[in-house]
Amino acid sequence: MPADAQPAPSLASIALTFAAITSTAFGGGQKASIRQQVLARGWMDHERFMDGLEIAQVLPGPNILNLAIYCGQRVRGIPGAIAAFLGTAIPPFLIVLAAGALYFKFASNPYVHGGLLGCAAGALGLTVGNALELTWDERTDWLRIVLVAVTALAVSFLRMPLLLVLVVFGGIGMVREYLRSRT
């Protein structure tokens, strides 16, 4: 084993790491939390994480679950993917069950309504922060920044169908990366 190589994490460590992330973060903040944890623990480097994030966003299903399964699989194979899945899926499931029961009990309370509006604002802030953190390393590449901005505008303000956005802007990005790799 090379001197800088770390031993593979235990399955419990993988499950508990993802359980902690999905229990304490929501919305776009989870992707940033996963990135911070896997990089800090040396489970993968930035490039490998970004590859996984891209795959997770293209595959059907919840992006966070796809990303966790990818990360778990990269560090411990199929058992790691299962541990990451369980750690990612079980805590939010239990939280949603509890929150749903409380919501139906207190749905007519104006404080509950105000709290939900605050959560929506927080989720928006986390999403913007996550987008900035994940694209920060690409800030010197003007075309990537333009593609991110135009994609956000197309989805948010023009309400373009996501499949069309994926085909058009994803296609532009793929062609550009292909041409860059050839030079």
N, C-alpha and C. Protein backbone atom coordinates (compact mmCIF):
# COMPACT_ATOMS: atom_id res chain seq x y z
N MET A 1 0.84 -1.17 0.00
CA MET A 1 0.00 0.00 0.00
C MET A 1 0.89 1.23 0.00
N PRO A 2 0.62 2.25 -0.86
CA PRO A 2 1.43 3.46 -0.88
C PRO A 2 1.35 4.18 0.46
N ALA A 3 2.38 4.98 0.75
CA ALA A 3 2.45 5.65 2.04
C ALA A 3 1.28 6.60 2.27
N ASP A 4 0.76 7.23 1.20
CA ASP A 4 -0.33 8.19 1.38
C ASP A 4 -1.71 7.55 1.27
N ALA A 5 -1.79 6.27 0.96
CA ALA A 5 -3.09 5.60 0.84
C ALA A 5 -3.67 5.34 2.22
N GLN A 6 -4.97 5.51 2.32
CA GLN A 6 -5.67 5.29 3.58
C GLN A 6 -6.44 3.97 3.49
N PRO A 7 -6.61 3.29 4.62
CA PRO A 7 -7.41 2.07 4.58
C PRO A 7 -8.86 2.41 4.26
N ALA A 8 -9.54 1.47 3.65
CA ALA A 8 -10.94 1.68 3.30
C ALA A 8 -11.75 1.87 4.57
N PRO A 9 -12.72 2.78 4.55
CA PRO A 9 -13.54 3.01 5.74
C PRO A 9 -14.43 1.80 6.02
N SER A 10 -14.84 1.67 7.27
CA SER A 10 -15.75 0.58 7.62
C SER A 10 -17.13 0.87 7.04
N LEU A 11 -17.91 -0.17 6.88
CA LEU A 11 -19.28 0.01 6.39
C LEU A 11 -20.10 0.85 7.35
N ALA A 12 -19.87 0.66 8.65
CA ALA A 12 -20.58 1.46 9.65
C ALA A 12 -20.20 2.94 9.51
N SER A 13 -18.92 3.21 9.24
CA SER A 13 -18.48 4.59 9.07
C SER A 13 -19.15 5.23 7.86
N ILE A 14 -19.27 4.48 6.79
CA ILE A 14 -19.94 5.00 5.59
C ILE A 14 -21.40 5.30 5.90
N ALA A 15 -22.09 4.33 6.50
CA ALA A 15 -23.52 4.50 6.81
C ALA A 15 -23.73 5.67 7.76
N LEU A 16 -22.92 5.75 8.82
CA LEU A 16 -23.10 6.83 9.80
C LEU A 16 -22.75 8.20 9.22
N THR A 17 -21.77 8.26 8.35
CA THR A 17 -21.43 9.53 7.71
C THR A 17 -22.61 10.05 6.90
N PHE A 18 -23.19 9.18 6.08
CA PHE A 18 -24.32 9.61 5.26
C PHE A 18 -25.57 9.83 6.10
N ALA A 19 -25.74 9.07 7.17
CA ALA A 19 -26.88 9.29 8.07
C ALA A 19 -26.77 10.67 8.73
N ALA A 20 -25.57 11.03 9.14
CA ALA A 20 -25.38 12.34 9.77
C ALA A 20 -25.66 13.47 8.77
N ILE A 21 -25.22 13.29 7.54
CA ILE A 21 -25.44 14.33 6.53
C ILE A 21 -26.93 14.49 6.26
N THR A 22 -27.64 13.40 6.01
CA THR A 22 -29.05 13.51 5.65
C THR A 22 -29.93 13.83 6.85
N SER A 23 -29.40 13.72 8.05
CA SER A 23 -30.17 14.09 9.24
C SER A 23 -30.01 15.56 9.59
N THR A 24 -28.97 16.19 9.10
CA THR A 24 -28.67 17.56 9.51
C THR A 24 -28.67 18.57 8.38
N ALA A 25 -28.75 18.14 7.15
CA ALA A 25 -28.76 19.07 6.01
C ALA A 25 -29.98 18.77 5.16
N PHE A 26 -30.43 19.75 4.43
CA PHE A 26 -31.54 19.51 3.52
C PHE A 26 -31.34 20.30 2.24
N GLY A 27 -32.06 19.87 1.20
CA GLY A 27 -31.96 20.55 -0.08
C GLY A 27 -30.57 20.45 -0.68
N GLY A 28 -30.16 21.52 -1.32
CA GLY A 28 -28.86 21.55 -1.99
C GLY A 28 -27.69 21.45 -1.03
N GLY A 29 -27.90 21.74 0.24
CA GLY A 29 -26.81 21.67 1.21
C GLY A 29 -26.26 20.27 1.40
N GLN A 30 -27.04 19.26 1.08
CA GLN A 30 -26.56 17.89 1.24
C GLN A 30 -25.42 17.58 0.28
N LYS A 31 -25.49 18.06 -0.93
CA LYS A 31 -24.42 17.80 -1.89
C LYS A 31 -23.12 18.42 -1.40
N ALA A 32 -23.20 19.64 -0.90
CA ALA A 32 -22.00 20.29 -0.39
C ALA A 32 -21.47 19.54 0.84
N SER A 33 -22.37 19.06 1.69
CA SER A 33 -21.93 18.30 2.87
C SER A 33 -21.26 17.00 2.48
N ILE A 34 -21.84 16.31 1.50
CA ILE A 34 -21.23 15.06 1.03
C ILE A 34 -19.85 15.36 0.46
N ARG A 35 -19.75 16.40 -0.32
CA ARG A 35 -18.45 16.78 -0.91
C ARG A 35 -17.42 17.04 0.19
N GLN A 36 -17.81 17.83 1.17
CA GLN A 36 -16.88 18.15 2.25
C GLN A 36 -16.44 16.88 2.99
N GLN A 37 -17.38 16.00 3.28
CA GLN A 37 -17.05 14.80 4.05
C GLN A 37 -16.15 13.83 3.27
N VAL A 38 -16.51 13.56 2.01
CA VAL A 38 -15.71 12.57 1.27
C VAL A 38 -14.31 13.11 0.96
N LEU A 39 -14.19 14.41 0.74
CA LEU A 39 -12.86 14.98 0.50
C LEU A 39 -12.05 15.01 1.79
N ALA A 40 -12.68 15.44 2.88
CA ALA A 40 -11.96 15.52 4.16
C ALA A 40 -11.52 14.15 4.65
N ARG A 41 -12.29 13.13 4.39
CA ARG A 41 -11.96 11.78 4.84
C ARG A 41 -11.01 11.07 3.87
N GLY A 42 -10.72 11.71 2.73
CA GLY A 42 -9.82 11.11 1.76
C GLY A 42 -10.44 9.95 1.00
N TRP A 43 -11.76 9.89 0.97
CA TRP A 43 -12.42 8.80 0.26
C TRP A 43 -12.30 8.95 -1.25
N MET A 44 -12.20 10.19 -1.72
CA MET A 44 -11.99 10.45 -3.15
C MET A 44 -11.52 11.88 -3.32
N ASP A 45 -11.01 12.18 -4.52
CA ASP A 45 -10.56 13.54 -4.78
C ASP A 45 -11.68 14.35 -5.44
N HIS A 46 -11.41 15.64 -5.67
CA HIS A 46 -12.43 16.54 -6.22
C HIS A 46 -12.93 16.07 -7.59
N GLU A 47 -12.01 15.67 -8.46
CA GLU A 47 -12.39 15.24 -9.81
C GLU A 47 -13.31 14.03 -9.77
N ARG A 48 -12.96 13.05 -8.95
CA ARG A 48 -13.78 11.84 -8.84
C ARG A 48 -15.16 12.18 -8.27
N PHE A 49 -15.19 13.09 -7.27
CA PHE A 49 -16.48 13.51 -6.71
C PHE A 49 -17.33 14.19 -7.77
N MET A 50 -16.74 15.09 -8.54
CA MET A 50 -17.51 15.80 -9.58
C MET A 50 -18.02 14.82 -10.63
N ASP A 51 -17.23 13.79 -10.96
CA ASP A 51 -17.71 12.76 -11.88
C ASP A 51 -18.96 12.10 -11.30
N GLY A 52 -18.91 11.77 -10.02
CA GLY A 52 -20.05 11.14 -9.36
C GLY A 52 -21.26 12.05 -9.31
N LEU A 53 -21.03 13.32 -9.05
CA LEU A 53 -22.14 14.29 -9.01
C LEU A 53 -22.81 14.39 -10.37
N GLU A 54 -22.01 14.43 -11.42
CA GLU A 54 -22.57 14.50 -12.77
C GLU A 54 -23.40 13.25 -13.08
N ILE A 55 -22.88 12.10 -12.72
CA ILE A 55 -23.61 10.85 -12.95
C ILE A 55 -24.90 10.86 -12.13
N ALA A 56 -24.82 11.26 -10.87
CA ALA A 56 -25.98 11.26 -9.98
C ALA A 56 -27.09 12.16 -10.50
N GLN A 57 -26.72 13.26 -11.12
CA GLN A 57 -27.73 14.19 -11.61
C GLN A 57 -28.39 13.74 -12.90
N VAL A 58 -27.71 12.90 -13.65
CA VAL A 58 -28.27 12.43 -14.92
C VAL A 58 -29.14 11.20 -14.71
N LEU A 59 -28.79 10.37 -13.74
CA LEU A 59 -29.55 9.14 -13.49
C LEU A 59 -30.93 9.46 -12.92
N PRO A 60 -31.90 8.61 -13.17
CA PRO A 60 -33.22 8.83 -12.56
C PRO A 60 -33.14 8.57 -11.05
N GLY A 61 -34.01 9.21 -10.32
CA GLY A 61 -34.05 9.04 -8.88
C GLY A 61 -33.47 10.24 -8.16
N PRO A 62 -33.52 10.21 -6.85
CA PRO A 62 -33.01 11.34 -6.06
C PRO A 62 -31.49 11.50 -6.22
N ASN A 63 -31.06 12.70 -6.55
CA ASN A 63 -29.63 12.97 -6.77
C ASN A 63 -28.79 12.60 -5.55
N ILE A 64 -29.27 12.94 -4.37
CA ILE A 64 -28.50 12.69 -3.15
C ILE A 64 -28.30 11.20 -2.95
N LEU A 65 -29.34 10.44 -3.17
CA LEU A 65 -29.24 8.98 -3.02
C LEU A 65 -28.28 8.41 -4.07
N ASN A 66 -28.40 8.86 -5.30
CA ASN A 66 -27.49 8.41 -6.35
C ASN A 66 -26.04 8.75 -6.02
N LEU A 67 -25.82 9.97 -5.51
CA LEU A 67 -24.46 10.41 -5.18
C LEU A 67 -23.90 9.60 -4.02
N ALA A 68 -24.71 9.35 -3.01
CA ALA A 68 -24.25 8.56 -1.86
C ALA A 68 -23.89 7.14 -2.30
N ILE A 69 -24.72 6.54 -3.12
CA ILE A 69 -24.44 5.18 -3.60
C ILE A 69 -23.14 5.17 -4.40
N TYR A 70 -22.95 6.17 -5.25
CA TYR A 70 -21.71 6.28 -6.01
C TYR A 70 -20.50 6.35 -5.07
N CYS A 71 -20.58 7.25 -4.08
CA CYS A 71 -19.45 7.42 -3.15
C CYS A 71 -19.18 6.13 -2.37
N GLY A 72 -20.24 5.50 -1.87
CA GLY A 72 -20.06 4.26 -1.13
C GLY A 72 -19.46 3.16 -1.98
N GLN A 73 -19.90 3.08 -3.23
CA GLN A 73 -19.37 2.07 -4.14
C GLN A 73 -17.91 2.33 -4.46
N ARG A 74 -17.53 3.60 -4.60
CA ARG A 74 -16.14 3.92 -4.93
C ARG A 74 -15.17 3.52 -3.82
N VAL A 75 -15.62 3.61 -2.55
CA VAL A 75 -14.69 3.32 -1.46
C VAL A 75 -14.78 1.89 -0.94
N ARG A 76 -15.93 1.20 -1.13
CA ARG A 76 -16.05 -0.15 -0.59
C ARG A 76 -16.84 -1.10 -1.48
N GLY A 77 -17.04 -0.75 -2.74
CA GLY A 77 -17.74 -1.65 -3.65
C GLY A 77 -19.23 -1.74 -3.33
N ILE A 78 -19.83 -2.88 -3.68
CA ILE A 78 -21.27 -3.08 -3.49
C ILE A 78 -21.67 -2.95 -2.01
N PRO A 79 -20.94 -3.56 -1.07
CA PRO A 79 -21.32 -3.36 0.34
C PRO A 79 -21.29 -1.89 0.75
N GLY A 80 -20.33 -1.14 0.24
CA GLY A 80 -20.26 0.30 0.54
C GLY A 80 -21.45 1.05 -0.04
N ALA A 81 -21.86 0.66 -1.24
CA ALA A 81 -23.04 1.28 -1.85
C ALA A 81 -24.29 1.01 -1.02
N ILE A 82 -24.42 -0.21 -0.53
CA ILE A 82 -25.59 -0.56 0.30
C ILE A 82 -25.54 0.21 1.62
N ALA A 83 -24.38 0.31 2.23
CA ALA A 83 -24.25 1.06 3.48
C ALA A 83 -24.59 2.53 3.27
N ALA A 84 -24.10 3.10 2.18
CA ALA A 84 -24.40 4.50 1.87
C ALA A 84 -25.89 4.69 1.61
N PHE A 85 -26.50 3.75 0.90
CA PHE A 85 -27.94 3.81 0.63
C PHE A 85 -28.73 3.82 1.94
N LEU A 86 -28.41 2.87 2.82
CA LEU A 86 -29.15 2.78 4.08
C LEU A 86 -28.92 4.02 4.94
N GLY A 87 -27.69 4.48 5.01
CA GLY A 87 -27.40 5.67 5.79
C GLY A 87 -28.06 6.92 5.24
N THR A 88 -28.24 6.96 3.94
CA THR A 88 -28.85 8.12 3.29
C THR A 88 -30.37 8.06 3.34
N ALA A 89 -30.95 6.89 3.23
CA ALA A 89 -32.40 6.76 3.09
C ALA A 89 -33.16 6.67 4.41
N ILE A 90 -32.63 5.98 5.39
CA ILE A 90 -33.41 5.71 6.60
C ILE A 90 -33.66 6.97 7.44
N PRO A 91 -32.65 7.78 7.78
CA PRO A 91 -32.96 8.96 8.62
C PRO A 91 -33.98 9.92 8.00
N PRO A 92 -33.87 10.30 6.72
CA PRO A 92 -34.89 11.20 6.17
C PRO A 92 -36.29 10.56 6.16
N PHE A 93 -36.35 9.26 5.93
CA PHE A 93 -37.64 8.57 5.95
C PHE A 93 -38.29 8.73 7.32
N LEU A 94 -37.52 8.50 8.38
CA LEU A 94 -38.06 8.63 9.73
C LEU A 94 -38.41 10.09 10.06
N ILE A 95 -37.59 11.02 9.60
CA ILE A 95 -37.86 12.44 9.85
C ILE A 95 -39.14 12.86 9.14
N VAL A 96 -39.34 12.42 7.90
CA VAL A 96 -40.54 12.77 7.15
C VAL A 96 -41.78 12.16 7.80
N LEU A 97 -41.67 10.95 8.29
CA LEU A 97 -42.81 10.35 9.00
C LEU A 97 -43.19 11.19 10.21
N ALA A 98 -42.20 11.57 11.01
CA ALA A 98 -42.47 12.36 12.20
C ALA A 98 -43.00 13.75 11.83
N ALA A 99 -42.37 14.39 10.85
CA ALA A 99 -42.80 15.73 10.43
C ALA A 99 -44.21 15.69 9.86
N GLY A 100 -44.52 14.66 9.08
CA GLY A 100 -45.88 14.53 8.52
C GLY A 100 -46.92 14.39 9.62
N ALA A 101 -46.62 13.59 10.61
CA ALA A 101 -47.57 13.41 11.72
C ALA A 101 -47.77 14.73 12.46
N LEU A 102 -46.68 15.45 12.71
CA LEU A 102 -46.80 16.74 13.39
C LEU A 102 -47.52 17.77 12.53
N TYR A 103 -47.23 17.77 11.24
CA TYR A 103 -47.87 18.74 10.34
C TYR A 103 -49.38 18.55 10.35
N PHE A 104 -49.84 17.34 10.20
CA PHE A 104 -51.28 17.11 10.16
C PHE A 104 -51.94 17.44 11.50
N LYS A 105 -51.20 17.36 12.56
CA LYS A 105 -51.74 17.70 13.88
C LYS A 105 -51.84 19.22 14.05
N PHE A 106 -50.86 19.96 13.50
CA PHE A 106 -50.78 21.41 13.72
C PHE A 106 -50.90 22.22 12.42
N ALA A 107 -51.51 21.69 11.37
CA ALA A 107 -51.54 22.34 10.06
C ALA A 107 -52.24 23.71 10.09
N SER A 108 -53.19 23.90 10.95
CA SER A 108 -53.92 25.17 10.96
C SER A 108 -53.22 26.25 11.78
N ASN A 109 -52.13 25.95 12.42
CA ASN A 109 -51.40 26.91 13.24
C ASN A 109 -50.62 27.87 12.34
N PRO A 110 -50.80 29.19 12.50
CA PRO A 110 -50.09 30.16 11.64
C PRO A 110 -48.57 30.12 11.84
N TYR A 111 -48.10 29.69 13.01
CA TYR A 111 -46.66 29.60 13.23
C TYR A 111 -46.05 28.48 12.38
N VAL A 112 -46.80 27.43 12.20
CA VAL A 112 -46.32 26.33 11.34
C VAL A 112 -46.17 26.83 9.91
N HIS A 113 -47.18 27.61 9.46
CA HIS A 113 -47.12 28.16 8.10
C HIS A 113 -45.90 29.09 7.96
N GLY A 114 -45.67 29.95 8.96
CA GLY A 114 -44.52 30.84 8.93
C GLY A 114 -43.21 30.07 8.96
N GLY A 115 -43.17 29.01 9.74
CA GLY A 115 -41.96 28.18 9.79
C GLY A 115 -41.65 27.54 8.45
N LEU A 116 -42.69 27.10 7.76
CA LEU A 116 -42.48 26.48 6.45
C LEU A 116 -42.00 27.51 5.43
N LEU A 117 -42.48 28.74 5.52
CA LEU A 117 -41.98 29.79 4.63
C LEU A 117 -40.49 30.06 4.90
N GLY A 118 -40.12 30.04 6.17
CA GLY A 118 -38.71 30.21 6.52
C GLY A 118 -37.85 29.07 6.00
N CYS A 119 -38.37 27.86 6.07
CA CYS A 119 -37.64 26.70 5.53
C CYS A 119 -37.45 26.83 4.02
N ALA A 120 -38.46 27.33 3.33
CA ALA A 120 -38.34 27.51 1.88
C ALA A 120 -37.24 28.52 1.55
N ALA A 121 -37.17 29.61 2.31
CA ALA A 121 -36.12 30.60 2.09
C ALA A 121 -34.74 30.00 2.38
N GLY A 122 -34.66 29.21 3.45
CA GLY A 122 -33.39 28.55 3.77
C GLY A 122 -32.97 27.58 2.68
N ALA A 123 -33.92 26.84 2.13
CA ALA A 123 -33.61 25.88 1.06
C ALA A 123 -33.09 26.62 -0.18
N LEU A 124 -33.68 27.76 -0.48
CA LEU A 124 -33.21 28.54 -1.62
C LEU A 124 -31.77 29.00 -1.39
N GLY A 125 -31.49 29.49 -0.20
CA GLY A 125 -30.12 29.92 0.13
C GLY A 125 -29.13 28.78 0.05
N LEU A 126 -29.51 27.61 0.55
CA LEU A 126 -28.63 26.45 0.47
C LEU A 126 -28.37 26.04 -0.97
N THR A 127 -29.39 26.11 -1.80
CA THR A 127 -29.23 25.73 -3.20
C THR A 127 -28.27 26.68 -3.91
N VAL A 128 -28.42 27.97 -3.67
CA VAL A 128 -27.52 28.95 -4.28
C VAL A 128 -26.10 28.74 -3.75
N GLY A 129 -25.96 28.56 -2.45
CA GLY A 129 -24.64 28.32 -1.87
C GLY A 129 -23.99 27.07 -2.41
N ASN A 130 -24.77 26.02 -2.57
CA ASN A 130 -24.26 24.77 -3.13
C ASN A 130 -23.80 24.97 -4.57
N ALA A 131 -24.58 25.70 -5.35
CA ALA A 131 -24.19 25.95 -6.74
C ALA A 131 -22.88 26.73 -6.79
N LEU A 132 -22.74 27.71 -5.92
CA LEU A 132 -21.50 28.49 -5.90
C LEU A 132 -20.32 27.64 -5.48
N GLU A 133 -20.50 26.82 -4.45
CA GLU A 133 -19.39 25.99 -3.99
C GLU A 133 -18.96 24.97 -5.04
N LEU A 134 -19.93 24.35 -5.70
CA LEU A 134 -19.59 23.31 -6.67
C LEU A 134 -19.00 23.88 -7.96
N THR A 135 -19.26 25.15 -8.25
CA THR A 135 -18.72 25.74 -9.48
C THR A 135 -17.53 26.65 -9.20
N TRP A 136 -17.16 26.84 -7.95
CA TRP A 136 -16.09 27.77 -7.60
C TRP A 136 -14.78 27.42 -8.29
N ASP A 137 -14.44 26.14 -8.36
CA ASP A 137 -13.18 25.74 -8.98
C ASP A 137 -13.17 26.00 -10.48
N GLU A 138 -14.33 26.20 -11.06
CA GLU A 138 -14.44 26.43 -12.50
C GLU A 138 -14.56 27.91 -12.84
N ARG A 139 -14.36 28.79 -11.88
CA ARG A 139 -14.61 30.21 -12.07
C ARG A 139 -13.75 30.86 -13.14
N THR A 140 -12.62 30.25 -13.47
CA THR A 140 -11.76 30.84 -14.51
C THR A 140 -12.18 30.41 -15.91
N ASP A 141 -13.08 29.47 -16.00
CA ASP A 141 -13.55 29.00 -17.31
C ASP A 141 -14.88 29.70 -17.62
N TRP A 142 -14.81 30.77 -18.37
CA TRP A 142 -15.97 31.62 -18.60
C TRP A 142 -17.12 30.88 -19.28
N LEU A 143 -16.83 29.94 -20.19
CA LEU A 143 -17.91 29.26 -20.88
C LEU A 143 -18.70 28.35 -19.93
N ARG A 144 -18.03 27.70 -19.01
CA ARG A 144 -18.74 26.87 -18.02
C ARG A 144 -19.64 27.74 -17.15
N ILE A 145 -19.15 28.89 -16.73
CA ILE A 145 -19.94 29.80 -15.90
C ILE A 145 -21.16 30.29 -16.70
N VAL A 146 -20.97 30.63 -17.96
CA VAL A 146 -22.08 31.06 -18.80
C VAL A 146 -23.11 29.93 -18.94
N LEU A 147 -22.63 28.70 -19.16
CA LEU A 147 -23.56 27.57 -19.28
C LEU A 147 -24.36 27.36 -18.00
N VAL A 148 -23.72 27.49 -16.85
CA VAL A 148 -24.43 27.34 -15.58
C VAL A 148 -25.48 28.44 -15.44
N ALA A 149 -25.10 29.68 -15.73
CA ALA A 149 -26.02 30.81 -15.58
C ALA A 149 -27.20 30.70 -16.55
N VAL A 150 -26.91 30.39 -17.81
CA VAL A 150 -27.98 30.28 -18.81
C VAL A 150 -28.91 29.10 -18.48
N THR A 151 -28.33 28.01 -18.00
CA THR A 151 -29.16 26.86 -17.61
C THR A 151 -30.08 27.25 -16.46
N ALA A 152 -29.55 27.94 -15.46
CA ALA A 152 -30.38 28.37 -14.33
C ALA A 152 -31.49 29.31 -14.80
N LEU A 153 -31.18 30.23 -15.69
CA LEU A 153 -32.20 31.14 -16.21
C LEU A 153 -33.24 30.40 -17.03
N ALA A 154 -32.81 29.46 -17.85
CA ALA A 154 -33.74 28.71 -18.69
C ALA A 154 -34.73 27.91 -17.85
N VAL A 155 -34.25 27.33 -16.78
CA VAL A 155 -35.13 26.52 -15.94
C VAL A 155 -35.98 27.40 -15.03
N SER A 156 -35.36 28.41 -14.40
CA SER A 156 -36.05 29.21 -13.40
C SER A 156 -37.03 30.22 -13.99
N PHE A 157 -36.57 30.98 -14.97
CA PHE A 157 -37.40 32.07 -15.47
C PHE A 157 -38.15 31.74 -16.76
N LEU A 158 -37.50 31.02 -17.65
CA LEU A 158 -38.16 30.67 -18.91
C LEU A 158 -39.00 29.41 -18.79
N ARG A 159 -38.82 28.68 -17.70
CA ARG A 159 -39.57 27.44 -17.41
C ARG A 159 -39.47 26.43 -18.55
N MET A 160 -38.26 26.33 -19.11
CA MET A 160 -38.02 25.35 -20.17
C MET A 160 -38.10 23.95 -19.58
N PRO A 161 -38.59 22.99 -20.34
CA PRO A 161 -38.63 21.60 -19.86
C PRO A 161 -37.22 21.10 -19.55
N LEU A 162 -37.09 20.38 -18.46
CA LEU A 162 -35.77 19.92 -18.02
C LEU A 162 -35.08 19.03 -19.05
N LEU A 163 -35.84 18.19 -19.74
CA LEU A 163 -35.23 17.33 -20.75
C LEU A 163 -34.63 18.17 -21.87
N LEU A 164 -35.33 19.19 -22.29
CA LEU A 164 -34.80 20.07 -23.34
C LEU A 164 -33.55 20.80 -22.84
N VAL A 165 -33.57 21.29 -21.61
CA VAL A 165 -32.40 21.96 -21.04
C VAL A 165 -31.22 21.00 -20.99
N LEU A 166 -31.47 19.77 -20.56
CA LEU A 166 -30.40 18.78 -20.47
C LEU A 166 -29.81 18.50 -21.85
N VAL A 167 -30.66 18.32 -22.84
CA VAL A 167 -30.18 18.01 -24.18
C VAL A 167 -29.40 19.19 -24.77
N VAL A 168 -29.95 20.40 -24.65
CA VAL A 168 -29.32 21.56 -25.28
C VAL A 168 -28.04 21.94 -24.55
N PHE A 169 -28.14 22.27 -23.26
CA PHE A 169 -26.97 22.79 -22.54
C PHE A 169 -26.00 21.68 -22.16
N GLY A 170 -26.53 20.51 -21.85
CA GLY A 170 -25.65 19.37 -21.60
C GLY A 170 -24.90 18.99 -22.86
N GLY A 171 -25.60 19.05 -24.00
CA GLY A 171 -24.96 18.75 -25.28
C GLY A 171 -23.86 19.74 -25.61
N ILE A 172 -24.12 21.03 -25.36
CA ILE A 172 -23.09 22.05 -25.60
C ILE A 172 -21.88 21.78 -24.72
N GLY A 173 -22.12 21.47 -23.45
CA GLY A 173 -21.01 21.19 -22.53
C GLY A 173 -20.22 19.96 -22.96
N MET A 174 -20.93 18.92 -23.40
CA MET A 174 -20.24 17.69 -23.81
C MET A 174 -19.40 17.93 -25.06
N VAL A 175 -19.95 18.65 -26.02
CA VAL A 175 -19.19 18.95 -27.25
C VAL A 175 -17.96 19.78 -26.91
N ARG A 176 -18.13 20.75 -26.04
CA ARG A 176 -17.00 21.58 -25.66
C ARG A 176 -15.91 20.76 -24.96
N GLU A 177 -16.30 19.91 -24.04
CA GLU A 177 -15.31 19.09 -23.33
C GLU A 177 -14.63 18.11 -24.29
N TYR A 178 -15.39 17.59 -25.24
CA TYR A 178 -14.80 16.69 -26.24
C TYR A 178 -13.75 17.43 -27.06
N LEU A 179 -14.10 18.62 -27.50
CA LEU A 179 -13.15 19.41 -28.31
C LEU A 179 -11.92 19.80 -27.47
N ARG A 180 -12.12 20.14 -26.20
CA ARG A 180 -10.99 20.47 -25.33
C ARG A 180 -10.08 19.27 -25.11
N SER A 181 -10.66 18.07 -25.00
CA SER A 181 -9.84 16.88 -24.75
C SER A 181 -9.02 16.51 -25.97
N ARG A 182 -9.44 16.93 -27.15
CA ARG A 182 -8.71 16.61 -28.38
C ARG A 182 -7.53 17.54 -28.62
N THR A 183 -7.53 18.70 -27.94
CA THR A 183 -6.43 19.65 -28.16
C THR A 183 -5.34 19.48 -27.13
